[in-house]
Amino acid sequence: EADAPAEISDEEARAYWAARDRAGGEATEETALCRARARKAHAPVEPTELGLAKDQRVVVLRAELAATPGWVFADAGEAFGYVPRTYLQPVPAGAAPAPKARAAPP
């Protein structure tokens, strides 16, 4: 399916969930992760926010991507935090390189 969001690797998933846990993210029953692209840059105001460059790719919980305003937890590989949901759009499968993964904590 051409519009299906790009899937992520098991390593990226482990890094995302570890980062979300460290950030105190809300528990969720949803587990499907995907890549998203920043529609525009975001300068963080609070320490829990993630700064984004336009077109930067991040890993997000697929269910949290929506057209409604709000915040979504995003993992950029070397950094993580919350970004405005409306700044992100799903990346179609095969369209994005993986964010640089960091080692998951032991």
PDB file of N, CA and C in Angstrom:
ATOM      1  N   GLU A   1       0.851  -1.176   0.000  1.00  0.00           N
ATOM      2  CA  GLU A   1       0.000   0.000   0.000  1.00  0.00           C
ATOM      3  C   GLU A   1       0.896   1.238   0.000  1.00  0.00           C
ATOM      4  N   ALA A   2       0.759   2.112  -0.973  1.00  0.00           N
ATOM      5  CA  ALA A   2       1.639   3.255  -1.161  1.00  0.00           C
ATOM      6  C   ALA A   2       1.596   4.242  -0.007  1.00  0.00           C
ATOM      7  N   ASP A   3       0.452   4.425   0.624  1.00  0.00           N
ATOM      8  CA  ASP A   3       0.335   5.408   1.691  1.00  0.00           C
ATOM      9  C   ASP A   3       0.597   4.836   3.084  1.00  0.00           C
ATOM     10  N   ALA A   4       0.951   3.556   3.166  1.00  0.00           N
ATOM     11  CA  ALA A   4       1.219   2.957   4.471  1.00  0.00           C
ATOM     12  C   ALA A   4       2.460   3.598   5.079  1.00  0.00           C
ATOM     13  N   PRO A   5       2.411   3.932   6.383  1.00  0.00           N
ATOM     14  CA  PRO A   5       3.578   4.534   7.018  1.00  0.00           C
ATOM     15  C   PRO A   5       4.746   3.564   7.060  1.00  0.00           C
ATOM     16  N   ALA A   6       5.949   4.106   6.992  1.00  0.00           N
ATOM     17  CA  ALA A   6       7.155   3.295   7.036  1.00  0.00           C
ATOM     18  C   ALA A   6       7.270   2.595   8.386  1.00  0.00           C
ATOM     19  N   GLU A   7       7.577   1.317   8.355  1.00  0.00           N
ATOM     20  CA  GLU A   7       7.753   0.536   9.581  1.00  0.00           C
ATOM     21  C   GLU A   7       9.159   0.773  10.123  1.00  0.00           C
ATOM     22  N   ILE A   8       9.375   0.373  11.362  1.00  0.00           N
ATOM     23  CA  ILE A   8      10.678   0.562  11.973  1.00  0.00           C
ATOM     24  C   ILE A   8      11.242  -0.774  12.429  1.00  0.00           C
ATOM     25  N   SER A   9      12.543  -0.797  12.709  1.00  0.00           N
ATOM     26  CA  SER A   9      13.212  -2.030  13.123  1.00  0.00           C
ATOM     27  C   SER A   9      12.948  -2.324  14.600  1.00  0.00           C
ATOM     28  N   ASP A  10      13.249  -3.560  14.999  1.00  0.00           N
ATOM     29  CA  ASP A  10      13.102  -3.940  16.408  1.00  0.00           C
ATOM     30  C   ASP A  10      14.016  -3.096  17.292  1.00  0.00           C
ATOM     31  N   GLU A  11      15.223  -2.804  16.804  1.00  0.00           N
ATOM     32  CA  GLU A  11      16.171  -1.980  17.569  1.00  0.00           C
ATOM     33  C   GLU A  11      15.609  -0.572  17.795  1.00  0.00           C
ATOM     34  N   GLU A  12      15.023   0.010  16.750  1.00  0.00           N
ATOM     35  CA  GLU A  12      14.414   1.338  16.884  1.00  0.00           C
ATOM     36  C   GLU A  12      13.232   1.295  17.851  1.00  0.00           C
ATOM     37  N   ALA A  13      12.462   0.212  17.800  1.00  0.00           N
ATOM     38  CA  ALA A  13      11.318   0.079  18.707  1.00  0.00           C
ATOM     39  C   ALA A  13      11.787   0.007  20.155  1.00  0.00           C
ATOM     40  N   ARG A  14      12.828  -0.792  20.425  1.00  0.00           N
ATOM     41  CA  ARG A  14      13.348  -0.878  21.793  1.00  0.00           C
ATOM     42  C   ARG A  14      13.841   0.481  22.265  1.00  0.00           C
ATOM     43  N   ALA A  15      14.545   1.218  21.400  1.00  0.00           N
ATOM     44  CA  ALA A  15      15.052   2.547  21.763  1.00  0.00           C
ATOM     45  C   ALA A  15      13.901   3.515  22.026  1.00  0.00           C
ATOM     46  N   TYR A  16      12.844   3.458  21.198  1.00  0.00           N
ATOM     47  CA  TYR A  16      11.684   4.339  21.379  1.00  0.00           C
ATOM     48  C   TYR A  16      11.039   4.093  22.735  1.00  0.00           C
ATOM     49  N   TRP A  17      10.737   2.820  23.035  1.00  0.00           N
ATOM     50  CA  TRP A  17      10.040   2.513  24.285  1.00  0.00           C
ATOM     51  C   TRP A  17      10.899   2.841  25.496  1.00  0.00           C
ATOM     52  N   ALA A  18      12.220   2.629  25.412  1.00  0.00           N
ATOM     53  CA  ALA A  18      13.109   2.992  26.521  1.00  0.00           C
ATOM     54  C   ALA A  18      13.106   4.510  26.720  1.00  0.00           C
ATOM     55  N   ALA A  19      13.162   5.270  25.624  1.00  0.00           N
ATOM     56  CA  ALA A  19      13.145   6.733  25.713  1.00  0.00           C
ATOM     57  C   ALA A  19      11.810   7.221  26.261  1.00  0.00           C
ATOM     58  N   ARG A  20      10.722   6.648  25.793  1.00  0.00           N
ATOM     59  CA  ARG A  20       9.391   7.063  26.263  1.00  0.00           C
ATOM     60  C   ARG A  20       9.252   6.791  27.759  1.00  0.00           C
ATOM     61  N   ASP A  21       9.781   5.656  28.204  1.00  0.00           N
ATOM     62  CA  ASP A  21       9.729   5.325  29.624  1.00  0.00           C
ATOM     63  C   ASP A  21      10.554   6.323  30.440  1.00  0.00           C
ATOM     64  N   ARG A  22      11.770   6.648  29.977  1.00  0.00           N
ATOM     65  CA  ARG A  22      12.617   7.615  30.683  1.00  0.00           C
ATOM     66  C   ARG A  22      11.967   8.985  30.739  1.00  0.00           C
ATOM     67  N   ALA A  23      11.207   9.336  29.702  1.00  0.00           N
ATOM     68  CA  ALA A  23      10.551  10.646  29.645  1.00  0.00           C
ATOM     69  C   ALA A  23       9.259  10.676  30.459  1.00  0.00           C
ATOM     70  N   GLY A  24       8.864   9.536  31.012  1.00  0.00           N
ATOM     71  CA  GLY A  24       7.630   9.490  31.795  1.00  0.00           C
ATOM     72  C   GLY A  24       6.388   9.507  30.935  1.00  0.00           C
ATOM     73  N   GLY A  25       6.500   8.975  29.712  1.00  0.00           N
ATOM     74  CA  GLY A  25       5.360   8.944  28.795  1.00  0.00           C
ATOM     75  C   GLY A  25       4.204   8.132  29.339  1.00  0.00           C
ATOM     76  N   GLU A  26       3.007   8.509  28.951  1.00  0.00           N
ATOM     77  CA  GLU A  26       1.802   7.803  29.388  1.00  0.00           C
ATOM     78  C   GLU A  26       1.797   6.374  28.865  1.00  0.00           C
ATOM     79  N   ALA A  27       1.280   5.465  29.670  1.00  0.00           N
ATOM     80  CA  ALA A  27       1.135   4.079  29.244  1.00  0.00           C
ATOM     81  C   ALA A  27       0.094   4.011  28.130  1.00  0.00           C
ATOM     82  N   THR A  28       0.286   3.082  27.232  1.00  0.00           N
ATOM     83  CA  THR A  28      -0.640   2.931  26.118  1.00  0.00           C
ATOM     84  C   THR A  28      -0.753   1.469  25.736  1.00  0.00           C
ATOM     85  N   GLU A  29      -1.913   1.083  25.238  1.00  0.00           N
ATOM     86  CA  GLU A  29      -2.094  -0.272  24.734  1.00  0.00           C
ATOM     87  C   GLU A  29      -1.662  -0.353  23.280  1.00  0.00           C
ATOM     88  N   GLU A  30      -1.543   0.788  22.628  1.00  0.00           N
ATOM     89  CA  GLU A  30      -1.099   0.828  21.237  1.00  0.00           C
ATOM     90  C   GLU A  30       0.396   0.551  21.191  1.00  0.00           C
ATOM     91  N   THR A  31       0.836  -0.216  20.196  1.00  0.00           N
ATOM     92  CA  THR A  31       2.259  -0.526  20.103  1.00  0.00           C
ATOM     93  C   THR A  31       2.838  -0.299  18.715  1.00  0.00           C
ATOM     94  N   ALA A  32       2.003  -0.006  17.723  1.00  0.00           N
ATOM     95  CA  ALA A  32       2.486   0.153  16.352  1.00  0.00           C
ATOM     96  C   ALA A  32       3.228   1.481  16.208  1.00  0.00           C
ATOM     97  N   LEU A  33       4.504   1.382  15.847  1.00  0.00           N
ATOM     98  CA  LEU A  33       5.332   2.564  15.646  1.00  0.00           C
ATOM     99  C   LEU A  33       5.533   2.802  14.160  1.00  0.00           C
ATOM    100  N   CYS A  34       5.818   4.041  13.802  1.00  0.00           N
ATOM    101  CA  CYS A  34       6.104   4.368  12.408  1.00  0.00           C
ATOM    102  C   CYS A  34       7.016   5.586  12.355  1.00  0.00           C
ATOM    103  N   ARG A  35       7.496   5.883  11.160  1.00  0.00           N
ATOM    104  CA  ARG A  35       8.304   7.086  10.956  1.00  0.00           C
ATOM    105  C   ARG A  35       7.384   8.241  10.586  1.00  0.00           C
ATOM    106  N   ALA A  36       7.808   9.428  11.002  1.00  0.00           N
ATOM    107  CA  ALA A  36       7.087  10.642  10.634  1.00  0.00           C
ATOM    108  C   ALA A  36       8.127  11.687  10.229  1.00  0.00           C
ATOM    109  N   ARG A  37       7.683  12.668   9.452  1.00  0.00           N
ATOM    110  CA  ARG A  37       8.546  13.745   8.968  1.00  0.00           C
ATOM    111  C   ARG A  37       8.014  15.058   9.510  1.00  0.00           C
ATOM    112  N   ALA A  38       8.940  15.930   9.911  1.00  0.00           N
ATOM    113  CA  ALA A  38       8.534  17.250  10.396  1.00  0.00           C
ATOM    114  C   ALA A  38       8.127  18.121   9.210  1.00  0.00           C
ATOM    115  N   ARG A  39       6.899  18.624   9.227  1.00  0.00           N
ATOM    116  CA  ARG A  39       6.416  19.530   8.181  1.00  0.00           C
ATOM    117  C   ARG A  39       7.146  20.863   8.239  1.00  0.00           C
ATOM    118  N   LYS A  40       7.533  21.254   9.477  1.00  0.00           N
ATOM    119  CA  LYS A  40       8.274  22.499   9.683  1.00  0.00           C
ATOM    120  C   LYS A  40       9.103  22.354  10.945  1.00  0.00           C
ATOM    121  N   ALA A  41      10.022  23.278  11.149  1.00  0.00           N
ATOM    122  CA  ALA A  41      10.901  23.241  12.316  1.00  0.00           C
ATOM    123  C   ALA A  41      10.117  23.536  13.590  1.00  0.00           C
ATOM    124  N   HIS A  42      10.604  22.980  14.674  1.00  0.00           N
ATOM    125  CA  HIS A  42      10.013  23.243  15.997  1.00  0.00           C
ATOM    126  C   HIS A  42      11.144  23.566  16.964  1.00  0.00           C
ATOM    127  N   ALA A  43      11.077  24.736  17.578  1.00  0.00           N
ATOM    128  CA  ALA A  43      12.043  25.125  18.607  1.00  0.00           C
ATOM    129  C   ALA A  43      11.434  24.807  19.970  1.00  0.00           C
ATOM    130  N   PRO A  44      12.101  23.965  20.759  1.00  0.00           N
ATOM    131  CA  PRO A  44      11.539  23.599  22.055  1.00  0.00           C
ATOM    132  C   PRO A  44      11.470  24.787  23.011  1.00  0.00           C
ATOM    133  N   VAL A  45      10.410  24.823  23.805  1.00  0.00           N
ATOM    134  CA  VAL A  45      10.226  25.856  24.820  1.00  0.00           C
ATOM    135  C   VAL A  45      10.436  25.248  26.206  1.00  0.00           C
ATOM    136  N   GLU A  46       9.972  24.029  26.391  1.00  0.00           N
ATOM    137  CA  GLU A  46      10.096  23.310  27.663  1.00  0.00           C
ATOM    138  C   GLU A  46      11.164  22.222  27.529  1.00  0.00           C
ATOM    139  N   PRO A  47      11.784  21.820  28.641  1.00  0.00           N
ATOM    140  CA  PRO A  47      12.823  20.784  28.587  1.00  0.00           C
ATOM    141  C   PRO A  47      12.330  19.435  28.066  1.00  0.00           C
ATOM    142  N   THR A  48      11.028  19.179  28.159  1.00  0.00           N
ATOM    143  CA  THR A  48      10.486  17.893  27.696  1.00  0.00           C
ATOM    144  C   THR A  48      10.202  17.882  26.196  1.00  0.00           C
ATOM    145  N   GLU A  49      10.373  19.016  25.521  1.00  0.00           N
ATOM    146  CA  GLU A  49      10.104  19.103  24.087  1.00  0.00           C
ATOM    147  C   GLU A  49      11.345  18.740  23.278  1.00  0.00           C
ATOM    148  N   LEU A  50      11.115  18.253  22.073  1.00  0.00           N
ATOM    149  CA  LEU A  50      12.175  17.900  21.134  1.00  0.00           C
ATOM    150  C   LEU A  50      12.235  18.952  20.044  1.00  0.00           C
ATOM    151  N   GLY A  51      13.415  19.495  19.793  1.00  0.00           N
ATOM    152  CA  GLY A  51      13.589  20.415  18.678  1.00  0.00           C
ATOM    153  C   GLY A  51      13.639  19.632  17.380  1.00  0.00           C
ATOM    154  N   LEU A  52      13.003  20.162  16.352  1.00  0.00           N
ATOM    155  CA  LEU A  52      12.973  19.500  15.045  1.00  0.00           C
ATOM    156  C   LEU A  52      13.418  20.457  13.957  1.00  0.00           C
ATOM    157  N   ALA A  53      14.125  19.923  12.983  1.00  0.00           N
ATOM    158  CA  ALA A  53      14.426  20.659  11.762  1.00  0.00           C
ATOM    159  C   ALA A  53      13.366  20.270  10.736  1.00  0.00           C
ATOM    160  N   LYS A  54      13.057  21.166   9.822  1.00  0.00           N
ATOM    161  CA  LYS A  54      12.100  20.847   8.755  1.00  0.00           C
ATOM    162  C   LYS A  54      12.582  19.596   8.029  1.00  0.00           C
ATOM    163  N   ASP A  55      11.677  18.684   7.770  1.00  0.00           N
ATOM    164  CA  ASP A  55      11.924  17.414   7.078  1.00  0.00           C
ATOM    165  C   ASP A  55      12.670  16.373   7.910  1.00  0.00           C
ATOM    166  N   GLN A  56      12.969  16.654   9.166  1.00  0.00           N
ATOM    167  CA  GLN A  56      13.628  15.675  10.021  1.00  0.00           C
ATOM    168  C   GLN A  56      12.708  14.482  10.234  1.00  0.00           C
ATOM    169  N   ARG A  57      13.288  13.280  10.238  1.00  0.00           N
ATOM    170  CA  ARG A  57      12.520  12.054  10.464  1.00  0.00           C
ATOM    171  C   ARG A  57      12.613  11.646  11.925  1.00  0.00           C
ATOM    172  N   VAL A  58      11.506  11.164  12.476  1.00  0.00           N
ATOM    173  CA  VAL A  58      11.442  10.689  13.856  1.00  0.00           C
ATOM    174  C   VAL A  58      10.591   9.423  13.908  1.00  0.00           C
ATOM    175  N   VAL A  59      10.671   8.715  15.024  1.00  0.00           N
ATOM    176  CA  VAL A  59       9.827   7.543  15.268  1.00  0.00           C
ATOM    177  C   VAL A  59       8.739   7.961  16.247  1.00  0.00           C
ATOM    178  N   VAL A  60       7.500   7.597  15.933  1.00  0.00           N
ATOM    179  CA  VAL A  60       6.349   7.952  16.770  1.00  0.00           C
ATOM    180  C   VAL A  60       5.398   6.767  16.880  1.00  0.00           C
ATOM    181  N   LEU A  61       4.500   6.859  17.839  1.00  0.00           N
ATOM    182  CA  LEU A  61       3.429   5.877  17.975  1.00  0.00           C
ATOM    183  C   LEU A  61       2.389   6.205  16.905  1.00  0.00           C
ATOM    184  N   ARG A  62       2.133   5.275  16.010  1.00  0.00           N
ATOM    185  CA  ARG A  62       1.237   5.521  14.875  1.00  0.00           C
ATOM    186  C   ARG A  62      -0.114   6.078  15.316  1.00  0.00           C
ATOM    187  N   ALA A  63      -0.669   5.536  16.398  1.00  0.00           N
ATOM    188  CA  ALA A  63      -1.990   5.970  16.864  1.00  0.00           C
ATOM    189  C   ALA A  63      -1.997   7.423  17.333  1.00  0.00           C
ATOM    190  N   GLU A  64      -0.829   7.973  17.672  1.00  0.00           N
ATOM    191  CA  GLU A  64      -0.773   9.358  18.143  1.00  0.00           C
ATOM    192  C   GLU A  64      -0.720  10.373  17.007  1.00  0.00           C
ATOM    193  N   LEU A  65      -0.484   9.914  15.782  1.00  0.00           N
ATOM    194  CA  LEU A  65      -0.500  10.835  14.640  1.00  0.00           C
ATOM    195  C   LEU A  65      -1.950  11.115  14.272  1.00  0.00           C
ATOM    196  N   ALA A  66      -2.324  12.359  14.269  1.00  0.00           N
ATOM    197  CA  ALA A  66      -3.694  12.753  13.933  1.00  0.00           C
ATOM    198  C   ALA A  66      -3.667  14.205  13.486  1.00  0.00           C
ATOM    199  N   ALA A  67      -4.736  14.640  12.861  1.00  0.00           N
ATOM    200  CA  ALA A  67      -4.820  16.018  12.385  1.00  0.00           C
ATOM    201  C   ALA A  67      -5.207  16.989  13.500  1.00  0.00           C
ATOM    202  N   THR A  68      -5.615  16.461  14.637  1.00  0.00           N
ATOM    203  CA  THR A  68      -6.039  17.334  15.736  1.00  0.00           C
ATOM    204  C   THR A  68      -4.833  17.863  16.505  1.00  0.00           C
ATOM    205  N   PRO A  69      -4.931  19.077  17.044  1.00  0.00           N
ATOM    206  CA  PRO A  69      -3.821  19.632  17.828  1.00  0.00           C
ATOM    207  C   PRO A  69      -3.541  18.789  19.068  1.00  0.00           C
ATOM    208  N   GLY A  70      -2.329  18.843  19.522  1.00  0.00           N
ATOM    209  CA  GLY A  70      -1.909  18.097  20.699  1.00  0.00           C
ATOM    210  C   GLY A  70      -0.419  17.833  20.605  1.00  0.00           C
ATOM    211  N   TRP A  71       0.076  16.991  21.471  1.00  0.00           N
ATOM    212  CA  TRP A  71       1.498  16.674  21.521  1.00  0.00           C
ATOM    213  C   TRP A  71       1.700  15.182  21.313  1.00  0.00           C
ATOM    214  N   VAL A  72       2.819  14.834  20.689  1.00  0.00           N
ATOM    215  CA  VAL A  72       3.163  13.439  20.443  1.00  0.00           C
ATOM    216  C   VAL A  72       4.618  13.228  20.867  1.00  0.00           C
ATOM    217  N   PHE A  73       4.892  12.074  21.483  1.00  0.00           N
ATOM    218  CA  PHE A  73       6.261  11.740  21.865  1.00  0.00           C
ATOM    219  C   PHE A  73       6.988  11.267  20.617  1.00  0.00           C
ATOM    220  N   ALA A  74       8.175  11.821  20.369  1.00  0.00           N
ATOM    221  CA  ALA A  74       8.956  11.478  19.182  1.00  0.00           C
ATOM    222  C   ALA A  74      10.389  11.138  19.577  1.00  0.00           C
ATOM    223  N   ASP A  75      10.957  10.144  18.900  1.00  0.00           N
ATOM    224  CA  ASP A  75      12.343   9.735  19.118  1.00  0.00           C
ATOM    225  C   ASP A  75      13.113  10.026  17.835  1.00  0.00           C
ATOM    226  N   ALA A  76      14.111  10.909  17.938  1.00  0.00           N
ATOM    227  CA  ALA A  76      14.918  11.278  16.778  1.00  0.00           C
ATOM    228  C   ALA A  76      16.211  10.472  16.722  1.00  0.00           C
ATOM    229  N   GLY A  77      16.341   9.448  17.541  1.00  0.00           N
ATOM    230  CA  GLY A  77      17.542   8.621  17.534  1.00  0.00           C
ATOM    231  C   GLY A  77      18.557   9.081  18.555  1.00  0.00           C
ATOM    232  N   GLU A  78      19.005  10.323  18.459  1.00  0.00           N
ATOM    233  CA  GLU A  78      19.984  10.849  19.409  1.00  0.00           C
ATOM    234  C   GLU A  78      19.326  11.726  20.465  1.00  0.00           C
ATOM    235  N   ALA A  79      18.070  12.060  20.274  1.00  0.00           N
ATOM    236  CA  ALA A  79      17.314  12.894  21.213  1.00  0.00           C
ATOM    237  C   ALA A  79      15.846  12.489  21.129  1.00  0.00           C
ATOM    238  N   PHE A  80      15.093  12.848  22.157  1.00  0.00           N
ATOM    239  CA  PHE A  80      13.669  12.518  22.169  1.00  0.00           C
ATOM    240  C   PHE A  80      12.922  13.550  22.982  1.00  0.00           C
ATOM    241  N   GLY A  81      11.604  13.600  22.779  1.00  0.00           N
ATOM    242  CA  GLY A  81      10.763  14.521  23.531  1.00  0.00           C
ATOM    243  C   GLY A  81       9.435  14.703  22.826  1.00  0.00           C
ATOM    244  N   TYR A  82       8.690  15.683  23.278  1.00  0.00           N
ATOM    245  CA  TYR A  82       7.355  15.940  22.738  1.00  0.00           C
ATOM    246  C   TYR A  82       7.397  17.047  21.691  1.00  0.00           C
ATOM    247  N   VAL A  83       6.608  16.860  20.628  1.00  0.00           N
ATOM    248  CA  VAL A  83       6.497  17.854  19.554  1.00  0.00           C
ATOM    249  C   VAL A  83       5.017  18.050  19.225  1.00  0.00           C
ATOM    250  N   PRO A  84       4.672  19.208  18.662  1.00  0.00           N
ATOM    251  CA  PRO A  84       3.274  19.414  18.265  1.00  0.00           C
ATOM    252  C   PRO A  84       2.875  18.388  17.207  1.00  0.00           C
ATOM    253  N   ARG A  85       1.776  17.710  17.445  1.00  0.00           N
ATOM    254  CA  ARG A  85       1.296  16.653  16.548  1.00  0.00           C
ATOM    255  C   ARG A  85       1.115  17.153  15.120  1.00  0.00           C
ATOM    256  N   THR A  86       0.604  18.373  14.973  1.00  0.00           N
ATOM    257  CA  THR A  86       0.316  18.890  13.631  1.00  0.00           C
ATOM    258  C   THR A  86       1.580  19.243  12.853  1.00  0.00           C
ATOM    259  N   TYR A  87       2.752  19.183  13.494  1.00  0.00           N
ATOM    260  CA  TYR A  87       4.014  19.433  12.797  1.00  0.00           C
ATOM    261  C   TYR A  87       4.503  18.176  12.078  1.00  0.00           C
ATOM    262  N   LEU A  88       3.891  17.033  12.357  1.00  0.00           N
ATOM    263  CA  LEU A  88       4.362  15.758  11.808  1.00  0.00           C
ATOM    264  C   LEU A  88       3.404  15.185  10.779  1.00  0.00           C
ATOM    265  N   GLN A  89       3.976  14.450   9.837  1.00  0.00           N
ATOM    266  CA  GLN A  89       3.161  13.687   8.890  1.00  0.00           C
ATOM    267  C   GLN A  89       3.826  12.330   8.704  1.00  0.00           C
ATOM    268  N   PRO A  90       3.029  11.273   8.491  1.00  0.00           N
ATOM    269  CA  PRO A  90       3.605   9.937   8.306  1.00  0.00           C
ATOM    270  C   PRO A  90       4.507   9.898   7.077  1.00  0.00           C
ATOM    271  N   VAL A  91       5.558   9.107   7.175  1.00  0.00           N
ATOM    272  CA  VAL A  91       6.461   8.889   6.050  1.00  0.00           C
ATOM    273  C   VAL A  91       6.041   7.586   5.385  1.00  0.00           C
ATOM    274  N   PRO A  92       5.734   7.609   4.079  1.00  0.00           N
ATOM    275  CA  PRO A  92       5.346   6.371   3.391  1.00  0.00           C
ATOM    276  C   PRO A  92       6.470   5.338   3.418  1.00  0.00           C
ATOM    277  N   ALA A  93       6.114   4.078   3.428  1.00  0.00           N
ATOM    278  CA  ALA A  93       7.093   2.991   3.427  1.00  0.00           C
ATOM    279  C   ALA A  93       8.078   3.165   2.280  1.00  0.00           C
ATOM    280  N   GLY A  94       9.351   2.925   2.561  1.00  0.00           N
ATOM    281  CA  GLY A  94      10.390   3.017   1.552  1.00  0.00           C
ATOM    282  C   GLY A  94      10.870   4.424   1.265  1.00  0.00           C
ATOM    283  N   ALA A  95      10.356   5.438   1.974  1.00  0.00           N
ATOM    284  CA  ALA A  95      10.703   6.822   1.661  1.00  0.00           C
ATOM    285  C   ALA A  95      11.709   7.449   2.607  1.00  0.00           C
ATOM    286  N   ALA A  96      12.070   6.785   3.696  1.00  0.00           N
ATOM    287  CA  ALA A  96      12.927   7.460   4.672  1.00  0.00           C
ATOM    288  C   ALA A  96      14.002   6.554   5.227  1.00  0.00           C
ATOM    289  N   PRO A  97      15.202   7.113   5.386  1.00  0.00           N
ATOM    290  CA  PRO A  97      16.223   6.360   6.105  1.00  0.00           C
ATOM    291  C   PRO A  97      15.875   6.353   7.589  1.00  0.00           C
ATOM    292  N   ALA A  98      16.354   5.349   8.281  1.00  0.00           N
ATOM    293  CA  ALA A  98      16.095   5.260   9.721  1.00  0.00           C
ATOM    294  C   ALA A  98      16.844   6.348  10.463  1.00  0.00           C
ATOM    295  N   PRO A  99      16.242   6.883  11.539  1.00  0.00           N
ATOM    296  CA  PRO A  99      16.997   7.810  12.374  1.00  0.00           C
ATOM    297  C   PRO A  99      18.186   7.076  12.974  1.00  0.00           C
ATOM    298  N   LYS A 100      19.245   7.801  13.301  1.00  0.00           N
ATOM    299  CA  LYS A 100      20.421   7.189  13.896  1.00  0.00           C
ATOM    300  C   LYS A 100      20.029   6.627  15.258  1.00  0.00           C
ATOM    301  N   ALA A 101      20.131   5.313  15.398  1.00  0.00           N
ATOM    302  CA  ALA A 101      19.709   4.663  16.643  1.00  0.00           C
ATOM    303  C   ALA A 101      20.768   4.817  17.722  1.00  0.00           C
ATOM    304  N   ARG A 102      20.314   4.953  18.943  1.00  0.00           N
ATOM    305  CA  ARG A 102      21.238   4.980  20.077  1.00  0.00           C
ATOM    306  C   ARG A 102      21.114   3.631  20.766  1.00  0.00           C
ATOM    307  N   ALA A 103      22.111   3.289  21.530  1.00  0.00           N
ATOM    308  CA  ALA A 103      22.078   2.024  22.244  1.00  0.00           C
ATOM    309  C   ALA A 103      21.014   2.074  23.326  1.00  0.00           C
ATOM    310  N   ALA A 104      20.253   1.019  23.428  1.00  0.00           N
ATOM    311  CA  ALA A 104      19.243   0.927  24.484  1.00  0.00           C
ATOM    312  C   ALA A 104      19.962   0.689  25.804  1.00  0.00           C
ATOM    313  N   PRO A 105      19.426   1.217  26.895  1.00  0.00           N
ATOM    314  CA  PRO A 105      20.079   0.993  28.189  1.00  0.00           C
ATOM    315  C   PRO A 105      20.059  -0.482  28.556  1.00  0.00           C
ATOM    316  N   PRO A 106      21.049  -0.922  29.331  1.00  0.00           N
ATOM    317  CA  PRO A 106      21.109  -2.358  29.702  1.00  0.00           C
ATOM    318  C   PRO A 106      19.952  -2.783  30.564  1.00  0.00           C
TER     319      PRO A 106
END
